[in-house]
Every structure is written in C-alpha cells, then in structure tokens.
Amino acid sequence: MHSAHFSADASLPPVQMSVELIPYEELKWGRFLGRGAEGAVYAAWYLETPVAVKRPESKVEVEMNLHSGTPCHVMQ
C-alpha cells in the first residue's frame, strides 16, 4: 500500500488515503466495452483475473469518487 494525496480541484479538500498501486504493464487490455459520462470502460485482465477498467476523463472525476467513499481502484 502507498499513501497518496489527491488535490486536482481547489474546490475539493485534499484527500489523504492509502491506495494499492497496480503497475500498468501488469494489465492486459481487451476490447472497448462502452463510454459513459465519466469515461470509457475496457475489458482487461489483471493477474489472469478478468476485470473492467474505467479510464476517467479527468483527475477531478477521480477525486470526486475518492471523496464519495465509494470503493474504487484508480490507475493513471
């Protein structure tokens, strides 16, 4: 676990939390699944486990998810 400090939007207070970093090269990308208001979603595999990966449109979107308390995994 790594400690991360997020503060891309001055209107939101900074968030300090521990996050697990997944090396980008450990993801095996699959096909495009769809796009919503918050970003594109792709099929992928992480350590041979099928996963869905959302690529958010902005860092502000990531911060809003972290502030909401909703469990999520973040990649950059």
PDB file of N, CA and C in Angstrom:
ATOM      1  N   MET A   1       0.838  -1.174   0.000  1.00  0.00           N
ATOM      2  CA  MET A   1       0.000   0.000   0.000  1.00  0.00           C
ATOM      3  C   MET A   1       0.883   1.238   0.000  1.00  0.00           C
ATOM      4  N   HIS A   2       0.436   2.227  -0.717  1.00  0.00           N
ATOM      5  CA  HIS A   2       1.118   3.508  -0.776  1.00  0.00           C
ATOM      6  C   HIS A   2       0.157   4.577  -0.280  1.00  0.00           C
ATOM      7  N   SER A   3       0.706   5.617   0.327  1.00  0.00           N
ATOM      8  CA  SER A   3      -0.112   6.747   0.726  1.00  0.00           C
ATOM      9  C   SER A   3      -0.137   7.734  -0.426  1.00  0.00           C
ATOM     10  N   ALA A   4      -1.302   8.242  -0.745  1.00  0.00           N
ATOM     11  CA  ALA A   4      -1.427   9.175  -1.864  1.00  0.00           C
ATOM     12  C   ALA A   4      -2.195  10.404  -1.419  1.00  0.00           C
ATOM     13  N   HIS A   5      -1.844  11.529  -1.980  1.00  0.00           N
ATOM     14  CA  HIS A   5      -2.502  12.797  -1.696  1.00  0.00           C
ATOM     15  C   HIS A   5      -3.097  13.310  -2.998  1.00  0.00           C
ATOM     16  N   PHE A   6      -4.412  13.464  -3.051  1.00  0.00           N
ATOM     17  CA  PHE A   6      -5.090  13.903  -4.261  1.00  0.00           C
ATOM     18  C   PHE A   6      -5.645  15.302  -4.048  1.00  0.00           C
ATOM     19  N   SER A   7      -5.388  16.206  -4.977  1.00  0.00           N
ATOM     20  CA  SER A   7      -5.907  17.557  -4.899  1.00  0.00           C
ATOM     21  C   SER A   7      -5.843  18.229  -6.260  1.00  0.00           C
ATOM     22  N   ALA A   8      -6.626  17.769  -7.220  1.00  0.00           N
ATOM     23  CA  ALA A   8      -6.628  18.354  -8.567  1.00  0.00           C
ATOM     24  C   ALA A   8      -7.592  19.531  -8.676  1.00  0.00           C
ATOM     25  N   ASP A   9      -8.591  19.588  -7.819  1.00  0.00           N
ATOM     26  CA  ASP A   9      -9.609  20.630  -7.882  1.00  0.00           C
ATOM     27  C   ASP A   9      -9.579  21.434  -6.585  1.00  0.00           C
ATOM     28  N   ALA A  10      -9.294  22.724  -6.673  1.00  0.00           N
ATOM     29  CA  ALA A  10      -9.181  23.575  -5.486  1.00  0.00           C
ATOM     30  C   ALA A  10     -10.483  23.672  -4.703  1.00  0.00           C
ATOM     31  N   SER A  11     -11.628  23.356  -5.332  1.00  0.00           N
ATOM     32  CA  SER A  11     -12.903  23.442  -4.625  1.00  0.00           C
ATOM     33  C   SER A  11     -13.150  22.237  -3.711  1.00  0.00           C
ATOM     34  N   LEU A  12     -12.360  21.179  -3.875  1.00  0.00           N
ATOM     35  CA  LEU A  12     -12.491  19.999  -3.032  1.00  0.00           C
ATOM     36  C   LEU A  12     -11.330  19.955  -2.047  1.00  0.00           C
ATOM     37  N   PRO A  13     -11.589  19.571  -0.790  1.00  0.00           N
ATOM     38  CA  PRO A  13     -10.475  19.445   0.146  1.00  0.00           C
ATOM     39  C   PRO A  13      -9.573  18.278  -0.261  1.00  0.00           C
ATOM     40  N   PRO A  14      -8.281  18.349   0.061  1.00  0.00           N
ATOM     41  CA  PRO A  14      -7.376  17.248  -0.291  1.00  0.00           C
ATOM     42  C   PRO A  14      -7.794  15.949   0.397  1.00  0.00           C
ATOM     43  N   VAL A  15      -7.540  14.833  -0.258  1.00  0.00           N
ATOM     44  CA  VAL A  15      -7.837  13.511   0.281  1.00  0.00           C
ATOM     45  C   VAL A  15      -6.517  12.813   0.554  1.00  0.00           C
ATOM     46  N   GLN A  16      -6.361  12.268   1.735  1.00  0.00           N
ATOM     47  CA  GLN A  16      -5.167  11.501   2.089  1.00  0.00           C
ATOM     48  C   GLN A  16      -5.632  10.084   2.388  1.00  0.00           C
ATOM     49  N   MET A  17      -5.150   9.116   1.615  1.00  0.00           N
ATOM     50  CA  MET A  17      -5.566   7.733   1.845  1.00  0.00           C
ATOM     51  C   MET A  17      -4.513   6.783   1.302  1.00  0.00           C
ATOM     52  N   SER A  18      -4.600   5.539   1.729  1.00  0.00           N
ATOM     53  CA  SER A  18      -3.708   4.504   1.222  1.00  0.00           C
ATOM     54  C   SER A  18      -4.353   3.853   0.015  1.00  0.00           C
ATOM     55  N   VAL A  19      -3.573   3.666  -1.028  1.00  0.00           N
ATOM     56  CA  VAL A  19      -4.074   3.011  -2.228  1.00  0.00           C
ATOM     57  C   VAL A  19      -3.074   1.957  -2.672  1.00  0.00           C
ATOM     58  N   GLU A  20      -3.570   0.907  -3.298  1.00  0.00           N
ATOM     59  CA  GLU A  20      -2.708  -0.116  -3.863  1.00  0.00           C
ATOM     60  C   GLU A  20      -2.409   0.272  -5.304  1.00  0.00           C
ATOM     61  N   LEU A  21      -1.137   0.359  -5.639  1.00  0.00           N
ATOM     62  CA  LEU A  21      -0.742   0.708  -6.994  1.00  0.00           C
ATOM     63  C   LEU A  21      -0.555  -0.557  -7.818  1.00  0.00           C
ATOM     64  N   ILE A  22      -1.194  -0.598  -8.966  1.00  0.00           N
ATOM     65  CA  ILE A  22      -1.061  -1.727  -9.885  1.00  0.00           C
ATOM     66  C   ILE A  22      -0.219  -1.257 -11.056  1.00  0.00           C
ATOM     67  N   PRO A  23       0.913  -1.901 -11.299  1.00  0.00           N
ATOM     68  CA  PRO A  23       1.729  -1.492 -12.447  1.00  0.00           C
ATOM     69  C   PRO A  23       0.948  -1.637 -13.755  1.00  0.00           C
ATOM     70  N   TYR A  24       0.960  -0.586 -14.542  1.00  0.00           N
ATOM     71  CA  TYR A  24       0.227  -0.549 -15.804  1.00  0.00           C
ATOM     72  C   TYR A  24       0.556  -1.759 -16.674  1.00  0.00           C
ATOM     73  N   GLU A  25       1.822  -2.145 -16.701  1.00  0.00           N
ATOM     74  CA  GLU A  25       2.240  -3.244 -17.571  1.00  0.00           C
ATOM     75  C   GLU A  25       1.693  -4.610 -17.132  1.00  0.00           C
ATOM     76  N   GLU A  26       1.122  -4.702 -15.931  1.00  0.00           N
ATOM     77  CA  GLU A  26       0.514  -5.960 -15.477  1.00  0.00           C
ATOM     78  C   GLU A  26      -0.927  -6.116 -15.952  1.00  0.00           C
ATOM     79  N   LEU A  27      -1.493  -5.062 -16.537  1.00  0.00           N
ATOM     80  CA  LEU A  27      -2.829  -5.154 -17.131  1.00  0.00           C
ATOM     81  C   LEU A  27      -2.702  -5.619 -18.569  1.00  0.00           C
ATOM     82  N   LYS A  28      -3.548  -6.542 -18.963  1.00  0.00           N
ATOM     83  CA  LYS A  28      -3.642  -6.968 -20.361  1.00  0.00           C
ATOM     84  C   LYS A  28      -4.980  -6.457 -20.868  1.00  0.00           C
ATOM     85  N   TRP A  29      -4.902  -5.501 -21.790  1.00  0.00           N
ATOM     86  CA  TRP A  29      -6.101  -4.824 -22.264  1.00  0.00           C
ATOM     87  C   TRP A  29      -6.895  -5.669 -23.247  1.00  0.00           C
ATOM     88  N   GLY A  30      -8.199  -5.612 -23.114  1.00  0.00           N
ATOM     89  CA  GLY A  30      -9.122  -6.265 -24.031  1.00  0.00           C
ATOM     90  C   GLY A  30      -9.879  -5.220 -24.830  1.00  0.00           C
ATOM     91  N   ARG A  31     -11.099  -5.556 -25.176  1.00  0.00           N
ATOM     92  CA  ARG A  31     -11.872  -4.687 -26.064  1.00  0.00           C
ATOM     93  C   ARG A  31     -12.567  -3.553 -25.307  1.00  0.00           C
ATOM     94  N   PHE A  32     -12.907  -2.537 -26.051  1.00  0.00           N
ATOM     95  CA  PHE A  32     -13.681  -1.406 -25.560  1.00  0.00           C
ATOM     96  C   PHE A  32     -15.093  -1.893 -25.267  1.00  0.00           C
ATOM     97  N   LEU A  33     -15.609  -1.594 -24.066  1.00  0.00           N
ATOM     98  CA  LEU A  33     -16.950  -2.042 -23.691  1.00  0.00           C
ATOM     99  C   LEU A  33     -18.004  -0.956 -23.820  1.00  0.00           C
ATOM    100  N   GLY A  34     -17.611   0.287 -23.575  1.00  0.00           N
ATOM    101  CA  GLY A  34     -18.585   1.365 -23.666  1.00  0.00           C
ATOM    102  C   GLY A  34     -18.060   2.654 -23.077  1.00  0.00           C
ATOM    103  N   ARG A  35     -18.843   3.710 -23.249  1.00  0.00           N
ATOM    104  CA  ARG A  35     -18.460   5.022 -22.725  1.00  0.00           C
ATOM    105  C   ARG A  35     -19.661   5.628 -22.027  1.00  0.00           C
ATOM    106  N   GLY A  36     -19.388   6.221 -20.873  1.00  0.00           N
ATOM    107  CA  GLY A  36     -20.423   6.935 -20.139  1.00  0.00           C
ATOM    108  C   GLY A  36     -19.998   8.375 -19.938  1.00  0.00           C
ATOM    109  N   ALA A  37     -20.739   9.089 -19.117  1.00  0.00           N
ATOM    110  CA  ALA A  37     -20.443  10.499 -18.864  1.00  0.00           C
ATOM    111  C   ALA A  37     -19.106  10.677 -18.151  1.00  0.00           C
ATOM    112  N   GLU A  38     -18.648   9.640 -17.463  1.00  0.00           N
ATOM    113  CA  GLU A  38     -17.436   9.758 -16.647  1.00  0.00           C
ATOM    114  C   GLU A  38     -16.210   9.105 -17.255  1.00  0.00           C
ATOM    115  N   GLY A  39     -16.309   8.475 -18.409  1.00  0.00           N
ATOM    116  CA  GLY A  39     -15.137   7.874 -19.015  1.00  0.00           C
ATOM    117  C   GLY A  39     -15.455   6.621 -19.810  1.00  0.00           C
ATOM    118  N   ALA A  40     -14.414   6.047 -20.393  1.00  0.00           N
ATOM    119  CA  ALA A  40     -14.530   4.838 -21.204  1.00  0.00           C
ATOM    120  C   ALA A  40     -14.229   3.601 -20.354  1.00  0.00           C
ATOM    121  N   VAL A  41     -14.881   2.484 -20.670  1.00  0.00           N
ATOM    122  CA  VAL A  41     -14.685   1.231 -19.937  1.00  0.00           C
ATOM    123  C   VAL A  41     -14.158   0.174 -20.899  1.00  0.00           C
ATOM    124  N   TYR A  42     -13.132  -0.549 -20.457  1.00  0.00           N
ATOM    125  CA  TYR A  42     -12.495  -1.589 -21.252  1.00  0.00           C
ATOM    126  C   TYR A  42     -12.470  -2.905 -20.488  1.00  0.00           C
ATOM    127  N   ALA A  43     -12.548  -4.007 -21.211  1.00  0.00           N
ATOM    128  CA  ALA A  43     -12.294  -5.321 -20.628  1.00  0.00           C
ATOM    129  C   ALA A  43     -10.783  -5.430 -20.484  1.00  0.00           C
ATOM    130  N   ALA A  44     -10.326  -6.090 -19.424  1.00  0.00           N
ATOM    131  CA  ALA A  44      -8.897  -6.283 -19.220  1.00  0.00           C
ATOM    132  C   ALA A  44      -8.703  -7.503 -18.329  1.00  0.00           C
ATOM    133  N   TRP A  45      -7.457  -7.903 -18.153  1.00  0.00           N
ATOM    134  CA  TRP A  45      -7.095  -8.986 -17.243  1.00  0.00           C
ATOM    135  C   TRP A  45      -5.971  -8.495 -16.358  1.00  0.00           C
ATOM    136  N   TYR A  46      -6.083  -8.773 -15.060  1.00  0.00           N
ATOM    137  CA  TYR A  46      -5.032  -8.459 -14.103  1.00  0.00           C
ATOM    138  C   TYR A  46      -4.686  -9.747 -13.382  1.00  0.00           C
ATOM    139  N   LEU A  47      -3.463 -10.200 -13.556  1.00  0.00           N
ATOM    140  CA  LEU A  47      -3.009 -11.473 -12.975  1.00  0.00           C
ATOM    141  C   LEU A  47      -3.984 -12.602 -13.317  1.00  0.00           C
ATOM    142  N   GLU A  48      -4.374 -12.659 -14.574  1.00  0.00           N
ATOM    143  CA  GLU A  48      -5.259 -13.686 -15.128  1.00  0.00           C
ATOM    144  C   GLU A  48      -6.697 -13.617 -14.612  1.00  0.00           C
ATOM    145  N   THR A  49      -7.061 -12.535 -13.946  1.00  0.00           N
ATOM    146  CA  THR A  49      -8.431 -12.325 -13.478  1.00  0.00           C
ATOM    147  C   THR A  49      -9.100 -11.305 -14.393  1.00  0.00           C
ATOM    148  N   PRO A  50     -10.272 -11.629 -14.954  1.00  0.00           N
ATOM    149  CA  PRO A  50     -10.956 -10.643 -15.790  1.00  0.00           C
ATOM    150  C   PRO A  50     -11.444  -9.468 -14.940  1.00  0.00           C
ATOM    151  N   VAL A  51     -11.205  -8.274 -15.435  1.00  0.00           N
ATOM    152  CA  VAL A  51     -11.623  -7.051 -14.748  1.00  0.00           C
ATOM    153  C   VAL A  51     -12.169  -6.065 -15.782  1.00  0.00           C
ATOM    154  N   ALA A  52     -12.893  -5.071 -15.316  1.00  0.00           N
ATOM    155  CA  ALA A  52     -13.307  -3.947 -16.155  1.00  0.00           C
ATOM    156  C   ALA A  52     -12.531  -2.734 -15.667  1.00  0.00           C
ATOM    157  N   VAL A  53     -11.976  -1.973 -16.601  1.00  0.00           N
ATOM    158  CA  VAL A  53     -11.180  -0.805 -16.250  1.00  0.00           C
ATOM    159  C   VAL A  53     -11.845   0.440 -16.828  1.00  0.00           C
ATOM    160  N   LYS A  54     -12.142   1.394 -15.953  1.00  0.00           N
ATOM    161  CA  LYS A  54     -12.700   2.664 -16.409  1.00  0.00           C
ATOM    162  C   LYS A  54     -11.574   3.682 -16.493  1.00  0.00           C
ATOM    163  N   ARG A  55     -11.465   4.332 -17.635  1.00  0.00           N
ATOM    164  CA  ARG A  55     -10.479   5.395 -17.815  1.00  0.00           C
ATOM    165  C   ARG A  55     -11.229   6.716 -17.703  1.00  0.00           C
ATOM    166  N   PRO A  56     -11.137   7.378 -16.524  1.00  0.00           N
ATOM    167  CA  PRO A  56     -11.885   8.614 -16.327  1.00  0.00           C
ATOM    168  C   PRO A  56     -11.401   9.731 -17.244  1.00  0.00           C
ATOM    169  N   GLU A  57     -12.300  10.661 -17.508  1.00  0.00           N
ATOM    170  CA  GLU A  57     -11.988  11.785 -18.390  1.00  0.00           C
ATOM    171  C   GLU A  57     -11.052  12.790 -17.735  1.00  0.00           C
ATOM    172  N   SER A  58     -11.071  12.887 -16.390  1.00  0.00           N
ATOM    173  CA  SER A  58     -10.250  13.896 -15.734  1.00  0.00           C
ATOM    174  C   SER A  58      -9.863  13.462 -14.323  1.00  0.00           C
ATOM    175  N   LYS A  59      -8.841  14.117 -13.757  1.00  0.00           N
ATOM    176  CA  LYS A  59      -8.441  13.848 -12.376  1.00  0.00           C
ATOM    177  C   LYS A  59      -9.519  14.295 -11.405  1.00  0.00           C
ATOM    178  N   VAL A  60     -10.294  15.295 -11.778  1.00  0.00           N
ATOM    179  CA  VAL A  60     -11.383  15.762 -10.923  1.00  0.00           C
ATOM    180  C   VAL A  60     -12.383  14.627 -10.713  1.00  0.00           C
ATOM    181  N   GLU A  61     -12.645  13.857 -11.748  1.00  0.00           N
ATOM    182  CA  GLU A  61     -13.559  12.716 -11.640  1.00  0.00           C
ATOM    183  C   GLU A  61     -13.034  11.700 -10.633  1.00  0.00           C
ATOM    184  N   VAL A  62     -11.749  11.442 -10.656  1.00  0.00           N
ATOM    185  CA  VAL A  62     -11.122  10.520  -9.694  1.00  0.00           C
ATOM    186  C   VAL A  62     -11.294  11.063  -8.288  1.00  0.00           C
ATOM    187  N   GLU A  63     -11.030  12.345  -8.083  1.00  0.00           N
ATOM    188  CA  GLU A  63     -11.180  12.951  -6.756  1.00  0.00           C
ATOM    189  C   GLU A  63     -12.611  12.850  -6.245  1.00  0.00           C
ATOM    190  N   MET A  64     -13.583  13.087  -7.104  1.00  0.00           N
ATOM    191  CA  MET A  64     -14.980  13.006  -6.671  1.00  0.00           C
ATOM    192  C   MET A  64     -15.313  11.594  -6.212  1.00  0.00           C
ATOM    193  N   ASN A  65     -14.807  10.579  -6.906  1.00  0.00           N
ATOM    194  CA  ASN A  65     -15.039   9.197  -6.485  1.00  0.00           C
ATOM    195  C   ASN A  65     -14.378   8.918  -5.137  1.00  0.00           C
ATOM    196  N   LEU A  66     -13.166   9.417  -4.940  1.00  0.00           N
ATOM    197  CA  LEU A  66     -12.477   9.201  -3.668  1.00  0.00           C
ATOM    198  C   LEU A  66     -13.204   9.906  -2.523  1.00  0.00           C
ATOM    199  N   HIS A  67     -13.702  11.102  -2.750  1.00  0.00           N
ATOM    200  CA  HIS A  67     -14.434  11.849  -1.722  1.00  0.00           C
ATOM    201  C   HIS A  67     -15.765  11.199  -1.388  1.00  0.00           C
ATOM    202  N   SER A  68     -16.370  10.495  -2.339  1.00  0.00           N
ATOM    203  CA  SER A  68     -17.681   9.893  -2.102  1.00  0.00           C
ATOM    204  C   SER A  68     -17.602   8.685  -1.176  1.00  0.00           C
ATOM    205  N   GLY A  69     -16.400   8.129  -1.016  1.00  0.00           N
ATOM    206  CA  GLY A  69     -16.253   6.940  -0.181  1.00  0.00           C
ATOM    207  C   GLY A  69     -16.593   5.658  -0.913  1.00  0.00           C
ATOM    208  N   THR A  70     -16.921   5.761  -2.194  1.00  0.00           N
ATOM    209  CA  THR A  70     -17.236   4.580  -2.993  1.00  0.00           C
ATOM    210  C   THR A  70     -15.961   3.803  -3.265  1.00  0.00           C
ATOM    211  N   PRO A  71     -15.952   2.494  -3.015  1.00  0.00           N
ATOM    212  CA  PRO A  71     -14.745   1.721  -3.292  1.00  0.00           C
ATOM    213  C   PRO A  71     -14.416   1.780  -4.793  1.00  0.00           C
ATOM    214  N   CYS A  72     -13.177   2.060  -5.106  1.00  0.00           N
ATOM    215  CA  CYS A  72     -12.749   2.072  -6.489  1.00  0.00           C
ATOM    216  C   CYS A  72     -11.250   1.822  -6.553  1.00  0.00           C
ATOM    217  N   HIS A  73     -10.809   1.450  -7.691  1.00  0.00           N
ATOM    218  CA  HIS A  73      -9.383   1.236  -7.936  1.00  0.00           C
ATOM    219  C   HIS A  73      -8.989   2.258  -8.992  1.00  0.00           C
ATOM    220  N   VAL A  74      -7.917   2.968  -8.744  1.00  0.00           N
ATOM    221  CA  VAL A  74      -7.518   4.072  -9.601  1.00  0.00           C
ATOM    222  C   VAL A  74      -6.233   3.732 -10.331  1.00  0.00           C
ATOM    223  N   MET A  75      -6.222   4.025 -11.622  1.00  0.00           N
ATOM    224  CA  MET A  75      -4.984   3.881 -12.381  1.00  0.00           C
ATOM    225  C   MET A  75      -4.696   5.184 -13.075  1.00  0.00           C
ATOM    226  N   GLN A  76      -3.431   5.459 -13.277  1.00  0.00           N
ATOM    227  CA  GLN A  76      -3.054   6.658 -14.013  1.00  0.00           C
ATOM    228  C   GLN A  76      -2.302   6.278 -15.250  1.00  0.00           C
TER     229      GLN A  76
END
